[in-house]
Amino acid sequence: MSRFLPLTIRFANGGSMVVSTIADAKKALNGAWKDKEAPDYLAAARLVDNAMAGICRPAVAFAAFKKAAARQGLLKPADPSAALTMLDQLWSRDRKKPPA
């Protein structure tokens, strides 16, 4: 199964887990969500099951999972990567230089 950029999910009961595969998403859907009857949650659960059965593209299922988690406020904000932080610092430094 495809790997995706990892998402950190913080469950309604305070627990958390990192989700980066469809199998992880399936496991996370069994965790403590705020509303397991919400339409986004139900769609994500259906699409993740379909992806595991090979009848849905994993990217579609993972996107639905991410949307459901975001709607319920379960996504923990990701820190920028070290490379992105370095690029931001270089860009800021270059902008401060006077034109030649």
PDB file of N, CA and C in Angstrom:
ATOM      1  N   MET A   1       0.840  -1.182   0.000  1.00  0.00           N
ATOM      2  CA  MET A   1       0.000   0.000   0.000  1.00  0.00           C
ATOM      3  C   MET A   1       0.882   1.242   0.000  1.00  0.00           C
ATOM      4  N   SER A   2       0.372   2.291  -0.566  1.00  0.00           N
ATOM      5  CA  SER A   2       1.118   3.533  -0.673  1.00  0.00           C
ATOM      6  C   SER A   2       1.385   4.148   0.691  1.00  0.00           C
ATOM      7  N   ARG A   3       2.491   4.855   0.768  1.00  0.00           N
ATOM      8  CA  ARG A   3       2.801   5.641   1.968  1.00  0.00           C
ATOM      9  C   ARG A   3       2.518   7.088   1.644  1.00  0.00           C
ATOM     10  N   PHE A   4       2.044   7.795   2.626  1.00  0.00           N
ATOM     11  CA  PHE A   4       1.711   9.204   2.476  1.00  0.00           C
ATOM     12  C   PHE A   4       2.508  10.015   3.484  1.00  0.00           C
ATOM     13  N   LEU A   5       2.503  11.336   3.320  1.00  0.00           N
ATOM     14  CA  LEU A   5       3.140  12.175   4.330  1.00  0.00           C
ATOM     15  C   LEU A   5       2.451  11.907   5.656  1.00  0.00           C
ATOM     16  N   PRO A   6       3.205  11.690   6.708  1.00  0.00           N
ATOM     17  CA  PRO A   6       2.593  11.313   7.982  1.00  0.00           C
ATOM     18  C   PRO A   6       1.733  12.422   8.585  1.00  0.00           C
ATOM     19  N   LEU A   7       0.606  12.002   9.135  1.00  0.00           N
ATOM     20  CA  LEU A   7      -0.299  12.879   9.863  1.00  0.00           C
ATOM     21  C   LEU A   7      -0.305  12.432  11.314  1.00  0.00           C
ATOM     22  N   THR A   8      -0.282  13.365  12.232  1.00  0.00           N
ATOM     23  CA  THR A   8      -0.425  13.013  13.640  1.00  0.00           C
ATOM     24  C   THR A   8      -1.862  13.300  14.041  1.00  0.00           C
ATOM     25  N   ILE A   9      -2.531  12.269  14.525  1.00  0.00           N
ATOM     26  CA  ILE A   9      -3.926  12.366  14.947  1.00  0.00           C
ATOM     27  C   ILE A   9      -3.957  12.391  16.463  1.00  0.00           C
ATOM     28  N   ARG A  10      -4.650  13.367  17.005  1.00  0.00           N
ATOM     29  CA  ARG A  10      -4.858  13.432  18.455  1.00  0.00           C
ATOM     30  C   ARG A  10      -6.321  13.085  18.702  1.00  0.00           C
ATOM     31  N   PHE A  11      -6.563  11.936  19.294  1.00  0.00           N
ATOM     32  CA  PHE A  11      -7.909  11.432  19.507  1.00  0.00           C
ATOM     33  C   PHE A  11      -8.652  12.218  20.579  1.00  0.00           C
ATOM     34  N   ALA A  12      -9.964  12.053  20.588  1.00  0.00           N
ATOM     35  CA  ALA A  12     -10.831  12.756  21.537  1.00  0.00           C
ATOM     36  C   ALA A  12     -10.506  12.396  22.986  1.00  0.00           C
ATOM     37  N   ASN A  13      -9.932  11.210  23.211  1.00  0.00           N
ATOM     38  CA  ASN A  13      -9.590  10.792  24.576  1.00  0.00           C
ATOM     39  C   ASN A  13      -8.180  11.201  24.985  1.00  0.00           C
ATOM     40  N   GLY A  14      -7.483  11.968  24.130  1.00  0.00           N
ATOM     41  CA  GLY A  14      -6.146  12.453  24.445  1.00  0.00           C
ATOM     42  C   GLY A  14      -5.015  11.627  23.864  1.00  0.00           C
ATOM     43  N   GLY A  15      -5.296  10.415  23.417  1.00  0.00           N
ATOM     44  CA  GLY A  15      -4.261   9.597  22.791  1.00  0.00           C
ATOM     45  C   GLY A  15      -3.905  10.138  21.425  1.00  0.00           C
ATOM     46  N   SER A  16      -2.824   9.638  20.856  1.00  0.00           N
ATOM     47  CA  SER A  16      -2.436  10.082  19.524  1.00  0.00           C
ATOM     48  C   SER A  16      -1.733   8.957  18.789  1.00  0.00           C
ATOM     49  N   MET A  17      -1.652   9.111  17.473  1.00  0.00           N
ATOM     50  CA  MET A  17      -0.904   8.172  16.640  1.00  0.00           C
ATOM     51  C   MET A  17      -0.526   8.852  15.338  1.00  0.00           C
ATOM     52  N   VAL A  18       0.509   8.321  14.702  1.00  0.00           N
ATOM     53  CA  VAL A  18       0.945   8.810  13.403  1.00  0.00           C
ATOM     54  C   VAL A  18       0.322   7.906  12.349  1.00  0.00           C
ATOM     55  N   VAL A  19      -0.243   8.529  11.331  1.00  0.00           N
ATOM     56  CA  VAL A  19      -0.905   7.806  10.255  1.00  0.00           C
ATOM     57  C   VAL A  19      -0.189   8.124   8.945  1.00  0.00           C
ATOM     58  N   SER A  20       0.333   7.086   8.275  1.00  0.00           N
ATOM     59  CA  SER A  20       1.013   7.306   7.004  1.00  0.00           C
ATOM     60  C   SER A  20       0.683   6.243   5.961  1.00  0.00           C
ATOM     61  N   THR A  21      -0.199   5.318   6.299  1.00  0.00           N
ATOM     62  CA  THR A  21      -0.634   4.290   5.357  1.00  0.00           C
ATOM     63  C   THR A  21      -2.136   4.100   5.496  1.00  0.00           C
ATOM     64  N   ILE A  22      -2.701   3.398   4.550  1.00  0.00           N
ATOM     65  CA  ILE A  22      -4.134   3.091   4.627  1.00  0.00           C
ATOM     66  C   ILE A  22      -4.405   2.178   5.826  1.00  0.00           C
ATOM     67  N   ALA A  23      -3.496   1.249   6.105  1.00  0.00           N
ATOM     68  CA  ALA A  23      -3.673   0.378   7.279  1.00  0.00           C
ATOM     69  C   ALA A  23      -3.666   1.203   8.561  1.00  0.00           C
ATOM     70  N   ASP A  24      -2.788   2.218   8.628  1.00  0.00           N
ATOM     71  CA  ASP A  24      -2.777   3.113   9.788  1.00  0.00           C
ATOM     72  C   ASP A  24      -4.105   3.863   9.895  1.00  0.00           C
ATOM     73  N   ALA A  25      -4.606   4.325   8.750  1.00  0.00           N
ATOM     74  CA  ALA A  25      -5.878   5.065   8.748  1.00  0.00           C
ATOM     75  C   ALA A  25      -7.013   4.184   9.261  1.00  0.00           C
ATOM     76  N   LYS A  26      -7.020   2.924   8.854  1.00  0.00           N
ATOM     77  CA  LYS A  26      -8.033   1.982   9.329  1.00  0.00           C
ATOM     78  C   LYS A  26      -7.964   1.838  10.846  1.00  0.00           C
ATOM     79  N   LYS A  27      -6.750   1.696  11.362  1.00  0.00           N
ATOM     80  CA  LYS A  27      -6.564   1.571  12.801  1.00  0.00           C
ATOM     81  C   LYS A  27      -7.007   2.853  13.512  1.00  0.00           C
ATOM     82  N   ALA A  28      -6.658   4.010  12.945  1.00  0.00           N
ATOM     83  CA  ALA A  28      -7.024   5.291  13.550  1.00  0.00           C
ATOM     84  C   ALA A  28      -8.535   5.507  13.553  1.00  0.00           C
ATOM     85  N   LEU A  29      -9.210   5.034  12.526  1.00  0.00           N
ATOM     86  CA  LEU A  29     -10.672   5.174  12.473  1.00  0.00           C
ATOM     87  C   LEU A  29     -11.352   4.402  13.601  1.00  0.00           C
ATOM     88  N   ASN A  30     -10.663   3.411  14.144  1.00  0.00           N
ATOM     89  CA  ASN A  30     -11.207   2.656  15.274  1.00  0.00           C
ATOM     90  C   ASN A  30     -10.910   3.329  16.614  1.00  0.00           C
ATOM     91  N   GLY A  31     -10.158   4.443  16.579  1.00  0.00           N
ATOM     92  CA  GLY A  31      -9.835   5.184  17.795  1.00  0.00           C
ATOM     93  C   GLY A  31     -11.001   6.035  18.263  1.00  0.00           C
ATOM     94  N   ALA A  32     -10.742   6.877  19.245  1.00  0.00           N
ATOM     95  CA  ALA A  32     -11.777   7.730  19.859  1.00  0.00           C
ATOM     96  C   ALA A  32     -11.939   9.022  19.057  1.00  0.00           C
ATOM     97  N   TRP A  33     -12.975   9.059  18.219  1.00  0.00           N
ATOM     98  CA  TRP A  33     -13.311  10.243  17.444  1.00  0.00           C
ATOM     99  C   TRP A  33     -14.431  10.989  18.153  1.00  0.00           C
ATOM    100  N   LYS A  34     -14.572  12.266  17.830  1.00  0.00           N
ATOM    101  CA  LYS A  34     -15.624  13.069  18.455  1.00  0.00           C
ATOM    102  C   LYS A  34     -17.001  12.629  17.992  1.00  0.00           C
ATOM    103  N   ASP A  35     -17.136  12.291  16.692  1.00  0.00           N
ATOM    104  CA  ASP A  35     -18.443  11.917  16.144  1.00  0.00           C
ATOM    105  C   ASP A  35     -18.272  10.878  15.041  1.00  0.00           C
ATOM    106  N   LYS A  36     -18.485   9.618  15.392  1.00  0.00           N
ATOM    107  CA  LYS A  36     -18.349   8.542  14.410  1.00  0.00           C
ATOM    108  C   LYS A  36     -19.573   8.410  13.504  1.00  0.00           C
ATOM    109  N   GLU A  37     -20.549   9.274  13.696  1.00  0.00           N
ATOM    110  CA  GLU A  37     -21.730   9.282  12.825  1.00  0.00           C
ATOM    111  C   GLU A  37     -21.673  10.439  11.820  1.00  0.00           C
ATOM    112  N   ALA A  38     -20.634  11.276  11.908  1.00  0.00           N
ATOM    113  CA  ALA A  38     -20.481  12.414  10.995  1.00  0.00           C
ATOM    114  C   ALA A  38     -20.314  11.903   9.562  1.00  0.00           C
ATOM    115  N   PRO A  39     -20.914  12.583   8.590  1.00  0.00           N
ATOM    116  CA  PRO A  39     -20.812  12.137   7.190  1.00  0.00           C
ATOM    117  C   PRO A  39     -19.365  11.991   6.698  1.00  0.00           C
ATOM    118  N   ASP A  40     -18.486  12.911   7.072  1.00  0.00           N
ATOM    119  CA  ASP A  40     -17.085  12.813   6.636  1.00  0.00           C
ATOM    120  C   ASP A  40     -16.402  11.579   7.219  1.00  0.00           C
ATOM    121  N   TYR A  41     -16.693  11.269   8.478  1.00  0.00           N
ATOM    122  CA  TYR A  41     -16.113  10.085   9.108  1.00  0.00           C
ATOM    123  C   TYR A  41     -16.615   8.818   8.399  1.00  0.00           C
ATOM    124  N   LEU A  42     -17.914   8.757   8.163  1.00  0.00           N
ATOM    125  CA  LEU A  42     -18.492   7.577   7.518  1.00  0.00           C
ATOM    126  C   LEU A  42     -17.945   7.387   6.103  1.00  0.00           C
ATOM    127  N   ALA A  43     -17.775   8.500   5.375  1.00  0.00           N
ATOM    128  CA  ALA A  43     -17.210   8.412   4.021  1.00  0.00           C
ATOM    129  C   ALA A  43     -15.764   7.934   4.078  1.00  0.00           C
ATOM    130  N   ALA A  44     -15.006   8.467   5.015  1.00  0.00           N
ATOM    131  CA  ALA A  44     -13.604   8.052   5.151  1.00  0.00           C
ATOM    132  C   ALA A  44     -13.516   6.567   5.495  1.00  0.00           C
ATOM    133  N   ALA A  45     -14.336   6.113   6.408  1.00  0.00           N
ATOM    134  CA  ALA A  45     -14.318   4.697   6.797  1.00  0.00           C
ATOM    135  C   ALA A  45     -14.650   3.806   5.602  1.00  0.00           C
ATOM    136  N   ARG A  46     -15.640   4.198   4.821  1.00  0.00           N
ATOM    137  CA  ARG A  46     -16.026   3.416   3.633  1.00  0.00           C
ATOM    138  C   ARG A  46     -14.899   3.396   2.609  1.00  0.00           C
ATOM    139  N   LEU A  47     -14.299   4.565   2.348  1.00  0.00           N
ATOM    140  CA  LEU A  47     -13.243   4.639   1.347  1.00  0.00           C
ATOM    141  C   LEU A  47     -11.975   3.915   1.788  1.00  0.00           C
ATOM    142  N   VAL A  48     -11.646   3.977   3.059  1.00  0.00           N
ATOM    143  CA  VAL A  48     -10.478   3.243   3.566  1.00  0.00           C
ATOM    144  C   VAL A  48     -10.710   1.741   3.413  1.00  0.00           C
ATOM    145  N   ASP A  49     -11.907   1.270   3.760  1.00  0.00           N
ATOM    146  CA  ASP A  49     -12.229  -0.150   3.554  1.00  0.00           C
ATOM    147  C   ASP A  49     -12.121  -0.529   2.082  1.00  0.00           C
ATOM    148  N   ASN A  50     -12.643   0.338   1.217  1.00  0.00           N
ATOM    149  CA  ASN A  50     -12.580   0.076  -0.228  1.00  0.00           C
ATOM    150  C   ASN A  50     -11.139   0.053  -0.731  1.00  0.00           C
ATOM    151  N   ALA A  51     -10.308   0.948  -0.215  1.00  0.00           N
ATOM    152  CA  ALA A  51      -8.898   0.972  -0.621  1.00  0.00           C
ATOM    153  C   ALA A  51      -8.199  -0.314  -0.184  1.00  0.00           C
ATOM    154  N   MET A  52      -8.512  -0.765   1.014  1.00  0.00           N
ATOM    155  CA  MET A  52      -7.905  -2.007   1.488  1.00  0.00           C
ATOM    156  C   MET A  52      -8.364  -3.206   0.666  1.00  0.00           C
ATOM    157  N   ALA A  53      -9.575  -3.120   0.121  1.00  0.00           N
ATOM    158  CA  ALA A  53     -10.100  -4.193  -0.725  1.00  0.00           C
ATOM    159  C   ALA A  53      -9.649  -4.056  -2.178  1.00  0.00           C
ATOM    160  N   GLY A  54      -8.969  -2.949  -2.502  1.00  0.00           N
ATOM    161  CA  GLY A  54      -8.461  -2.751  -3.854  1.00  0.00           C
ATOM    162  C   GLY A  54      -9.463  -2.149  -4.825  1.00  0.00           C
ATOM    163  N   ILE A  55     -10.560  -1.605  -4.330  1.00  0.00           N
ATOM    164  CA  ILE A  55     -11.568  -1.039  -5.237  1.00  0.00           C
ATOM    165  C   ILE A  55     -11.644   0.491  -5.151  1.00  0.00           C
ATOM    166  N   CYS A  56     -10.671   1.094  -4.487  1.00  0.00           N
ATOM    167  CA  CYS A  56     -10.591   2.548  -4.381  1.00  0.00           C
ATOM    168  C   CYS A  56      -9.111   2.915  -4.365  1.00  0.00           C
ATOM    169  N   ARG A  57      -8.771   4.012  -5.009  1.00  0.00           N
ATOM    170  CA  ARG A  57      -7.384   4.458  -4.986  1.00  0.00           C
ATOM    171  C   ARG A  57      -7.005   4.874  -3.563  1.00  0.00           C
ATOM    172  N   PRO A  58      -5.870   4.416  -3.062  1.00  0.00           N
ATOM    173  CA  PRO A  58      -5.445   4.777  -1.712  1.00  0.00           C
ATOM    174  C   PRO A  58      -5.360   6.290  -1.489  1.00  0.00           C
ATOM    175  N   ALA A  59      -4.957   7.040  -2.505  1.00  0.00           N
ATOM    176  CA  ALA A  59      -4.843   8.499  -2.355  1.00  0.00           C
ATOM    177  C   ALA A  59      -6.198   9.131  -2.066  1.00  0.00           C
ATOM    178  N   VAL A  60      -7.252   8.608  -2.683  1.00  0.00           N
ATOM    179  CA  VAL A  60      -8.600   9.128  -2.458  1.00  0.00           C
ATOM    180  C   VAL A  60      -9.034   8.827  -1.023  1.00  0.00           C
ATOM    181  N   ALA A  61      -8.788   7.612  -0.591  1.00  0.00           N
ATOM    182  CA  ALA A  61      -9.159   7.211   0.772  1.00  0.00           C
ATOM    183  C   ALA A  61      -8.377   8.003   1.810  1.00  0.00           C
ATOM    184  N   PHE A  62      -7.084   8.199   1.563  1.00  0.00           N
ATOM    185  CA  PHE A  62      -6.267   8.928   2.531  1.00  0.00           C
ATOM    186  C   PHE A  62      -6.707  10.390   2.614  1.00  0.00           C
ATOM    187  N   ALA A  63      -7.042  10.977   1.473  1.00  0.00           N
ATOM    188  CA  ALA A  63      -7.537  12.361   1.465  1.00  0.00           C
ATOM    189  C   ALA A  63      -8.850  12.476   2.236  1.00  0.00           C
ATOM    190  N   ALA A  64      -9.726  11.499   2.090  1.00  0.00           N
ATOM    191  CA  ALA A  64     -10.996  11.503   2.832  1.00  0.00           C
ATOM    192  C   ALA A  64     -10.743  11.357   4.326  1.00  0.00           C
ATOM    193  N   PHE A  65      -9.780  10.515   4.687  1.00  0.00           N
ATOM    194  CA  PHE A  65      -9.420  10.354   6.090  1.00  0.00           C
ATOM    195  C   PHE A  65      -8.898  11.667   6.665  1.00  0.00           C
ATOM    196  N   LYS A  66      -8.001  12.302   5.934  1.00  0.00           N
ATOM    197  CA  LYS A  66      -7.424  13.570   6.388  1.00  0.00           C
ATOM    198  C   LYS A  66      -8.510  14.630   6.553  1.00  0.00           C
ATOM    199  N   LYS A  67      -9.435  14.688   5.605  1.00  0.00           N
ATOM    200  CA  LYS A  67     -10.537  15.658   5.679  1.00  0.00           C
ATOM    201  C   LYS A  67     -11.402  15.396   6.912  1.00  0.00           C
ATOM    202  N   ALA A  68     -11.731  14.143   7.160  1.00  0.00           N
ATOM    203  CA  ALA A  68     -12.565  13.793   8.319  1.00  0.00           C
ATOM    204  C   ALA A  68     -11.867  14.159   9.619  1.00  0.00           C
ATOM    205  N   ALA A  69     -10.574  13.865   9.702  1.00  0.00           N
ATOM    206  CA  ALA A  69      -9.817  14.193  10.914  1.00  0.00           C
ATOM    207  C   ALA A  69      -9.739  15.708  11.109  1.00  0.00           C
ATOM    208  N   ALA A  70      -9.536  16.437  10.026  1.00  0.00           N
ATOM    209  CA  ALA A  70      -9.461  17.897  10.119  1.00  0.00           C
ATOM    210  C   ALA A  70     -10.800  18.485  10.561  1.00  0.00           C
ATOM    211  N   ARG A  71     -11.887  17.986  10.002  1.00  0.00           N
ATOM    212  CA  ARG A  71     -13.215  18.502  10.357  1.00  0.00           C
ATOM    213  C   ARG A  71     -13.531  18.288  11.835  1.00  0.00           C
ATOM    214  N   GLN A  72     -12.993  17.231  12.406  1.00  0.00           N
ATOM    215  CA  GLN A  72     -13.256  16.960  13.822  1.00  0.00           C
ATOM    216  C   GLN A  72     -12.162  17.526  14.728  1.00  0.00           C
ATOM    217  N   GLY A  73     -11.236  18.271  14.146  1.00  0.00           N
ATOM    218  CA  GLY A  73     -10.185  18.907  14.934  1.00  0.00           C
ATOM    219  C   GLY A  73      -9.177  17.939  15.513  1.00  0.00           C
ATOM    220  N   LEU A  74      -8.964  16.818  14.850  1.00  0.00           N
ATOM    221  CA  LEU A  74      -8.056  15.793  15.368  1.00  0.00           C
ATOM    222  C   LEU A  74      -6.653  15.861  14.786  1.00  0.00           C
ATOM    223  N   LEU A  75      -6.444  16.664  13.753  1.00  0.00           N
ATOM    224  CA  LEU A  75      -5.122  16.758  13.141  1.00  0.00           C
ATOM    225  C   LEU A  75      -4.222  17.653  13.979  1.00  0.00           C
ATOM    226  N   LYS A  76      -3.081  17.126  14.334  1.00  0.00           N
ATOM    227  CA  LYS A  76      -2.097  17.929  15.044  1.00  0.00           C
ATOM    228  C   LYS A  76      -1.290  18.675  13.986  1.00  0.00           C
ATOM    229  N   PRO A  77      -1.130  19.996  14.134  1.00  0.00           N
ATOM    230  CA  PRO A  77      -0.363  20.737  13.120  1.00  0.00           C
ATOM    231  C   PRO A  77       1.049  20.175  12.988  1.00  0.00           C
ATOM    232  N   ALA A  78       1.493  20.041  11.757  1.00  0.00           N
ATOM    233  CA  ALA A  78       2.827  19.507  11.494  1.00  0.00           C
ATOM    234  C   ALA A  78       3.852  20.627  11.583  1.00  0.00           C
ATOM    235  N   ASP A  79       5.000  20.311  12.166  1.00  0.00           N
ATOM    236  CA  ASP A  79       6.110  21.252  12.185  1.00  0.00           C
ATOM    237  C   ASP A  79       6.741  21.270  10.798  1.00  0.00           C
ATOM    238  N   PRO A  80       7.241  22.425  10.363  1.00  0.00           N
ATOM    239  CA  PRO A  80       7.911  22.450   9.060  1.00  0.00           C
ATOM    240  C   PRO A  80       9.162  21.580   9.100  1.00  0.00           C
ATOM    241  N   SER A  81       9.514  21.026   7.965  1.00  0.00           N
ATOM    242  CA  SER A  81      10.699  20.174   7.905  1.00  0.00           C
ATOM    243  C   SER A  81      11.949  21.020   8.119  1.00  0.00           C
ATOM    244  N   ALA A  82      13.021  20.366   8.487  1.00  0.00           N
ATOM    245  CA  ALA A  82      14.292  21.066   8.701  1.00  0.00           C
ATOM    246  C   ALA A  82      14.741  21.747   7.413  1.00  0.00           C
ATOM    247  N   ALA A  83      14.554  21.082   6.276  1.00  0.00           N
ATOM    248  CA  ALA A  83      14.955  21.663   4.997  1.00  0.00           C
ATOM    249  C   ALA A  83      14.143  22.920   4.693  1.00  0.00           C
ATOM    250  N   LEU A  84      12.849  22.887   4.962  1.00  0.00           N
ATOM    251  CA  LEU A  84      12.015  24.057   4.722  1.00  0.00           C
ATOM    252  C   LEU A  84      12.404  25.203   5.646  1.00  0.00           C
ATOM    253  N   THR A  85      12.730  24.922   6.883  1.00  0.00           N
ATOM    254  CA  THR A  85      13.172  25.942   7.820  1.00  0.00           C
ATOM    255  C   THR A  85      14.459  26.592   7.330  1.00  0.00           C
ATOM    256  N   MET A  86      15.407  25.775   6.845  1.00  0.00           N
ATOM    257  CA  MET A  86      16.660  26.325   6.317  1.00  0.00           C
ATOM    258  C   MET A  86      16.397  27.195   5.088  1.00  0.00           C
ATOM    259  N   LEU A  87      15.526  26.756   4.205  1.00  0.00           N
ATOM    260  CA  LEU A  87      15.187  27.529   3.012  1.00  0.00           C
ATOM    261  C   LEU A  87      14.554  28.867   3.397  1.00  0.00           C
ATOM    262  N   ASP A  88      13.663  28.860   4.375  1.00  0.00           N
ATOM    263  CA  ASP A  88      13.048  30.096   4.852  1.00  0.00           C
ATOM    264  C   ASP A  88      14.096  31.051   5.414  1.00  0.00           C
ATOM    265  N   GLN A  89      15.058  30.519   6.151  1.00  0.00           N
ATOM    266  CA  GLN A  89      16.114  31.359   6.724  1.00  0.00           C
ATOM    267  C   GLN A  89      16.978  31.972   5.628  1.00  0.00           C
ATOM    268  N   LEU A  90      17.324  31.174   4.624  1.00  0.00           N
ATOM    269  CA  LEU A  90      18.118  31.692   3.512  1.00  0.00           C
ATOM    270  C   LEU A  90      17.358  32.769   2.754  1.00  0.00           C
ATOM    271  N   TRP A  91      16.101  32.544   2.509  1.00  0.00           N
ATOM    272  CA  TRP A  91      15.277  33.508   1.785  1.00  0.00           C
ATOM    273  C   TRP A  91      15.183  34.809   2.573  1.00  0.00           C
ATOM    274  N   SER A  92      14.963  34.728   3.880  1.00  0.00           N
ATOM    275  CA  SER A  92      14.881  35.927   4.720  1.00  0.00           C
ATOM    276  C   SER A  92      16.196  36.684   4.721  1.00  0.00           C
ATOM    277  N   ARG A  93      17.294  35.969   4.793  1.00  0.00           N
ATOM    278  CA  ARG A  93      18.614  36.601   4.822  1.00  0.00           C
ATOM    279  C   ARG A  93      18.878  37.326   3.505  1.00  0.00           C
ATOM    280  N   ASP A  94      18.546  36.689   2.376  1.00  0.00           N
ATOM    281  CA  ASP A  94      18.772  37.290   1.067  1.00  0.00           C
ATOM    282  C   ASP A  94      17.910  38.532   0.854  1.00  0.00           C
ATOM    283  N   ARG A  95      16.729  38.544   1.421  1.00  0.00           N
ATOM    284  CA  ARG A  95      15.831  39.704   1.253  1.00  0.00           C
ATOM    285  C   ARG A  95      16.325  40.911   2.034  1.00  0.00           C
ATOM    286  N   LYS A  96      17.124  40.690   3.073  1.00  0.00           N
ATOM    287  CA  LYS A  96      17.622  41.788   3.901  1.00  0.00           C
ATOM    288  C   LYS A  96      18.834  42.467   3.283  1.00  0.00           C
ATOM    289  N   LYS A  97      19.480  41.806   2.322  1.00  0.00           N
ATOM    290  CA  LYS A  97      20.660  42.390   1.676  1.00  0.00           C
ATOM    291  C   LYS A  97      20.231  43.551   0.784  1.00  0.00           C
ATOM    292  N   PRO A  98      20.992  44.672   0.806  1.00  0.00           N
ATOM    293  CA  PRO A  98      20.673  45.765  -0.116  1.00  0.00           C
ATOM    294  C   PRO A  98      21.009  45.377  -1.544  1.00  0.00           C
ATOM    295  N   PRO A  99      20.262  45.911  -2.503  1.00  0.00           N
ATOM    296  CA  PRO A  99      20.548  45.573  -3.918  1.00  0.00           C
ATOM    297  C   PRO A  99      21.948  46.030  -4.312  1.00  0.00           C
ATOM    298  N   ALA A 100      22.584  45.272  -5.158  1.00  0.00           N
ATOM    299  CA  ALA A 100      23.965  45.588  -5.583  1.00  0.00           C
ATOM    300  C   ALA A 100      23.979  46.596  -6.702  1.00  0.00           C
TER     301      ALA A 100
END
